[in-house]
Protein backbone atom coordinates (compact mmCIF):
# COMPACT_ATOMS: atom_id res chain seq x y z
CA UNK A 1 147.74 133.70 17.56
CA UNK A 2 149.56 133.35 20.84
CA UNK A 3 153.26 133.52 20.55
CA UNK A 4 155.37 131.03 22.63
CA UNK A 5 158.56 131.96 21.41
CA UNK A 6 160.01 132.71 25.02
CA UNK A 7 158.92 129.51 26.37
CA UNK A 8 160.04 127.38 23.24
CA UNK A 9 163.56 126.30 22.26
CA UNK A 10 164.74 124.60 18.96
CA UNK A 11 167.56 122.27 19.29
CA UNK A 12 168.96 119.36 17.41
CA UNK A 13 167.38 115.92 17.65
CA UNK A 14 169.02 113.35 19.52
CA UNK A 15 168.74 109.78 19.39
CA UNK A 16 166.55 109.61 22.50
CA UNK A 17 163.93 111.72 20.87
CA UNK A 18 162.81 108.71 18.60
CA UNK A 19 159.74 107.74 20.44
CA UNK A 20 158.49 111.27 20.82
CA UNK A 21 158.99 111.82 17.00
CA UNK A 22 157.11 108.58 16.29
CA UNK A 23 154.19 110.10 18.55
CA UNK A 24 154.23 113.30 16.40
CA UNK A 25 154.10 111.70 13.42
CA UNK A 26 150.84 110.27 14.45
CA UNK A 27 149.49 113.89 14.62
CA UNK A 28 150.23 113.86 10.73
CA UNK A 29 148.26 110.76 10.20
CA UNK A 30 151.89 108.91 9.50
CA UNK A 31 151.89 105.35 11.13
CA UNK A 32 155.35 103.88 11.76
CA UNK A 33 154.89 100.09 10.98
CA UNK A 34 158.50 99.21 11.43
CA UNK A 35 159.99 100.72 14.58
CA UNK A 36 163.28 98.90 13.91
CA UNK A 37 163.76 100.21 10.58
CA UNK A 38 162.64 103.76 11.62
CA UNK A 39 165.27 103.40 14.48
CA UNK A 40 167.96 102.52 12.05
CA UNK A 41 167.21 105.20 9.54
CA UNK A 42 166.90 107.72 12.52
CA UNK A 43 170.14 106.83 13.78
CA UNK A 44 171.77 107.41 10.29
CA UNK A 45 169.97 110.64 10.04
CA UNK A 46 171.17 112.04 13.51
CA UNK A 47 174.76 110.90 12.42
CA UNK A 48 174.79 112.41 9.14
CA UNK A 49 174.45 116.27 10.30
CA UNK A 50 175.87 117.38 7.02
CA UNK A 51 173.07 115.95 4.94
CA UNK A 52 170.22 116.09 7.38
CA UNK A 53 168.99 118.66 9.82
CA UNK A 54 166.69 117.21 12.50
CA UNK A 55 165.25 119.74 14.82
CA UNK A 56 162.90 119.58 17.99
CA UNK A 57 161.06 122.13 19.46
CA UNK A 58 160.90 122.07 23.15
CA UNK A 59 158.31 123.57 25.52
CA UNK A 60 160.26 124.60 28.34
CA UNK A 61 157.23 125.12 30.53
CA UNK A 62 155.84 121.76 30.05
CA UNK A 63 159.53 120.21 29.61
CA UNK A 64 158.64 118.28 26.74
CA UNK A 65 159.19 118.22 23.08
CA UNK A 66 156.09 119.62 20.97
CA UNK A 67 157.35 119.85 17.54
CA UNK A 68 159.84 118.40 14.77
CA UNK A 69 161.34 119.33 11.44
CA UNK A 70 163.61 117.56 9.21
CA UNK A 71 165.54 118.98 6.26
CA UNK A 72 167.42 117.03 3.62
CA UNK A 73 170.35 118.59 1.67
CA UNK A 74 171.13 116.91 -1.48
CA UNK A 75 173.04 117.96 -4.89
CA UNK A 76 170.90 118.87 -7.61
CA UNK A 77 172.70 118.99 -11.22
CA UNK A 78 169.94 121.34 -12.89
CA UNK A 79 170.58 123.63 -10.13
CA UNK A 80 174.29 123.44 -10.17
CA UNK A 81 174.23 123.40 -6.39
CA UNK A 82 172.53 121.93 -3.44
CA UNK A 83 168.77 121.94 -2.75
CA UNK A 84 167.12 121.43 0.44
CA UNK A 85 163.79 119.55 0.85
CA UNK A 86 161.97 119.97 4.25
CA UNK A 87 160.58 116.35 4.55
CA UNK A 88 158.47 116.50 7.85
CA UNK A 89 157.32 119.21 9.80
CA UNK A 90 154.89 118.76 12.64
CA UNK A 91 153.52 120.55 15.90
CA UNK A 92 151.43 118.66 18.53
CA UNK A 93 148.11 119.75 17.89
CA UNK A 94 147.29 121.55 21.34
CA UNK A 95 150.40 123.83 20.40
CA UNK A 96 149.61 124.65 16.81
CA UNK A 97 148.82 128.46 16.05
CA UNK A 98 151.37 129.58 18.58
CA UNK A 99 154.50 130.24 16.25
CA UNK A 100 156.30 127.09 16.75
CA UNK A 101 155.89 125.70 13.35
CA UNK A 102 157.27 129.14 11.99
CA UNK A 103 160.05 128.62 14.56
CA UNK A 104 161.05 125.12 13.29
CA UNK A 105 160.50 126.47 9.60
CA UNK A 106 162.93 129.13 10.10
CA UNK A 107 165.45 126.74 11.69
CA UNK A 108 165.17 124.51 8.79
CA UNK A 109 165.67 127.38 6.28
CA UNK A 110 168.81 128.53 8.35
CA UNK A 111 170.21 124.98 8.23
CA UNK A 112 169.75 125.25 4.24
CA UNK A 113 171.11 128.73 4.04
CA UNK A 114 174.31 127.54 5.98
CA UNK A 115 174.66 124.94 3.44
CA UNK A 116 174.21 127.46 0.68
CA UNK A 117 171.44 125.52 -0.99
CA UNK A 118 170.25 127.11 -4.00
CA UNK A 119 166.52 126.16 -3.55
CA UNK A 120 164.44 125.15 -0.47
CA UNK A 121 161.25 123.15 -1.31
CA UNK A 122 158.41 121.63 0.79
CA UNK A 123 155.98 119.10 -0.61
CA UNK A 124 152.59 119.25 1.10
CA UNK A 125 149.06 117.89 0.56
CA UNK A 126 146.57 120.16 -0.28
CA UNK A 127 144.16 118.58 2.33
CA UNK A 128 146.47 119.16 5.09
CA UNK A 129 145.57 121.92 7.58
CA UNK A 130 148.91 123.60 7.14
CA UNK A 131 148.10 124.06 3.22
CA UNK A 132 144.59 125.33 3.83
CA UNK A 133 146.00 128.06 6.31
CA UNK A 134 148.59 128.77 3.55
CA UNK A 135 151.39 128.28 6.24
CA UNK A 136 154.15 127.94 3.79
CA UNK A 137 153.00 130.96 1.77
CA UNK A 138 152.89 133.07 4.66
CA UNK A 139 156.41 132.26 5.44
CA UNK A 140 157.85 133.09 2.19
CA UNK A 141 157.31 130.11 0.06
CA UNK A 142 155.83 130.41 -3.50
CA UNK A 143 153.27 127.53 -4.70
CA UNK A 144 154.45 125.93 -7.86
CA UNK A 145 152.30 124.20 -10.63
CA UNK A 146 154.55 121.18 -10.43
CA UNK A 147 152.92 117.62 -10.34
CA UNK A 148 154.14 114.92 -8.04
CA UNK A 149 154.34 111.05 -9.76
CA UNK A 150 155.24 108.20 -7.53
CA UNK A 151 155.72 104.70 -7.30
CA UNK A 152 154.99 103.30 -3.94
CA UNK A 153 156.66 100.19 -3.00
CA UNK A 154 154.77 99.11 0.07
């Protein structure tokens, strides 16, 4: 694995990062159908820094964003404290395997620790490349046998 830590900087996301983040979501096969709705939600999330951590990985050589992670902090009664959920983590395809995802994950974990979260969780599809490569396990997470149940309203 080629490391790029000296050419990559992790920073807070800004409102002007929205278009590149939408583009990055395409690398995860997420389609944004309502950019106005996405924009409104993104603006709220950028403003609510105590609830949301939104971080961008910038490649300093190419002078462009190449990755993104979002983490949500919320209260959890059964834990009697706060829980963090890493909602999205994506690195541009051509920059994968270089340590950028680990850097973004480390930043998300640091954000959760700063908020004294009692648990940090990630929901990942088993068909994703990151799951198959055991990315989260290699970064200290433990897979649980929980099931996810959903009602999609779209």
